[in-house]
């Protein structure tokens, strides 16, 4: 909520996560992926996170040319993905609400 932005809750949670990792001797902390959302990427980079590419190997059965082995948002080209971010965010926030509505419709 915007009224709580001055409290920097995300920074406090991140600081505690780093503190716990340091106390356990964990040298790496992964905080999602960089490249999915520009403002979240800026937050991560401003807190010292860097993009660390990891080679992933897939053994697709079908659909490799269509990119079906990747998540939908990762299969989209950058020029299409960034204008769609508000839509993807809305879907993410309202996913459970939509599922509940569909479940009620099926029951009636």
Protein backbone atom coordinates (compact mmCIF):
# COMPACT_ATOMS: atom_id res chain seq x y z
CA UNK A 1 0.00 0.00 0.00
CA UNK A 2 1.29 3.42 -0.92
CA UNK A 3 0.64 4.82 2.55
CA UNK A 4 3.32 2.44 3.92
CA UNK A 5 6.05 3.19 1.35
CA UNK A 6 7.94 5.37 3.83
CA UNK A 7 8.54 2.31 6.04
CA UNK A 8 10.66 0.53 3.36
CA UNK A 9 9.26 -2.87 4.29
CA UNK A 10 10.88 -4.62 1.31
CA UNK A 11 14.29 -3.25 2.31
CA UNK A 12 13.81 -4.49 5.89
CA UNK A 13 12.77 -7.96 4.72
CA UNK A 14 15.71 -8.13 2.33
CA UNK A 15 18.12 -7.00 5.05
CA UNK A 16 16.82 -9.73 7.38
CA UNK A 17 17.16 -12.36 4.63
CA UNK A 18 20.79 -11.30 4.08
CA UNK A 19 21.41 -11.37 7.85
CA UNK A 20 20.00 -14.91 8.16
CA UNK A 21 22.04 -16.10 5.16
CA UNK A 22 25.21 -14.57 6.63
CA UNK A 23 24.61 -16.21 10.01
CA UNK A 24 24.20 -19.61 8.32
CA UNK A 25 27.24 -19.13 6.08
CA UNK A 26 25.18 -19.05 2.89
CA UNK A 27 27.13 -17.17 0.22
CA UNK A 28 24.40 -16.78 -2.42
CA UNK A 29 20.90 -15.36 -2.17
CA UNK A 30 18.55 -15.61 -5.14
CA UNK A 31 15.75 -13.06 -5.16
CA UNK A 32 13.67 -14.05 -8.16
CA UNK A 33 14.92 -13.47 -11.67
CA UNK A 34 16.17 -10.26 -13.19
CA UNK A 35 14.48 -9.45 -16.47
CA UNK A 36 10.79 -9.90 -15.75
CA UNK A 37 9.78 -6.48 -14.50
CA UNK A 38 11.73 -3.22 -14.96
CA UNK A 39 10.90 -1.58 -11.61
CA UNK A 40 11.61 -4.79 -9.66
CA UNK A 41 14.87 -5.14 -11.58
CA UNK A 42 15.87 -1.60 -10.52
CA UNK A 43 15.06 -2.47 -6.88
CA UNK A 44 17.20 -5.62 -7.06
CA UNK A 45 20.11 -3.83 -8.73
CA UNK A 46 19.99 -0.96 -6.22
CA UNK A 47 20.27 -3.56 -3.44
CA UNK A 48 23.35 -5.19 -4.94
CA UNK A 49 21.80 -8.08 -6.86
CA UNK A 50 23.35 -8.86 -10.23
CA UNK A 51 22.13 -10.88 -13.16
CA UNK A 52 23.79 -14.27 -13.00
CA UNK A 53 22.91 -16.35 -16.04
CA UNK A 54 22.57 -20.05 -15.41
CA UNK A 55 22.66 -22.49 -18.28
CA UNK A 56 19.47 -24.48 -18.33
CA UNK A 57 19.01 -27.58 -20.38
CA UNK A 58 15.59 -28.62 -21.63
CA UNK A 59 14.59 -31.81 -23.34
CA UNK A 60 11.40 -30.75 -25.06
CA UNK A 61 9.10 -33.40 -26.42
CA UNK A 62 7.21 -31.14 -28.81
CA UNK A 63 6.76 -27.47 -29.55
CA UNK A 64 10.35 -26.26 -29.34
CA UNK A 65 9.94 -23.93 -32.31
CA UNK A 66 6.90 -22.35 -30.69
CA UNK A 67 8.74 -21.84 -27.39
CA UNK A 68 6.28 -24.04 -25.48
CA UNK A 69 9.07 -25.25 -23.19
CA UNK A 70 9.31 -21.75 -21.65
CA UNK A 71 6.90 -19.83 -19.49
CA UNK A 72 4.53 -17.66 -21.50
CA UNK A 73 6.00 -14.36 -20.31
CA UNK A 74 9.55 -15.55 -21.05
CA UNK A 75 8.61 -16.64 -24.59
CA UNK A 76 7.41 -13.16 -25.55
CA UNK A 77 9.81 -10.80 -27.32
CA UNK A 78 10.89 -7.74 -25.31
CA UNK A 79 8.99 -5.36 -27.61
CA UNK A 80 5.73 -7.17 -26.78
CA UNK A 81 6.45 -8.09 -23.14
CA UNK A 82 6.95 -4.61 -21.67
CA UNK A 83 3.65 -3.12 -22.92
CA UNK A 84 1.86 -6.22 -21.56
CA UNK A 85 3.34 -5.96 -18.04
CA UNK A 86 0.27 -4.18 -16.60
CA UNK A 87 -1.98 -6.90 -18.01
CA UNK A 88 0.24 -9.69 -16.65
CA UNK A 89 0.31 -7.98 -13.25
CA UNK A 90 -3.49 -7.68 -13.23
CA UNK A 91 -3.88 -11.36 -14.12
CA UNK A 92 -1.43 -12.33 -11.39
CA UNK A 93 -3.26 -10.27 -8.75
CA UNK A 94 -6.69 -11.50 -9.74
CA UNK A 95 -5.94 -15.15 -10.51
CA UNK A 96 -7.56 -16.50 -7.34
CA UNK A 97 -10.59 -14.25 -7.69
CA UNK A 98 -11.13 -15.57 -11.22
CA UNK A 99 -10.77 -19.18 -10.07
CA UNK A 100 -13.38 -18.66 -7.34
CA UNK A 101 -15.83 -17.10 -9.80
CA UNK A 102 -15.39 -20.00 -12.21
CA UNK A 103 -15.87 -22.53 -9.43
CA UNK A 104 -19.15 -20.84 -8.39
CA UNK A 105 -20.39 -20.86 -12.00
CA UNK A 106 -19.65 -24.57 -12.37
CA UNK A 107 -21.55 -25.38 -9.17
CA UNK A 108 -24.68 -23.46 -10.23
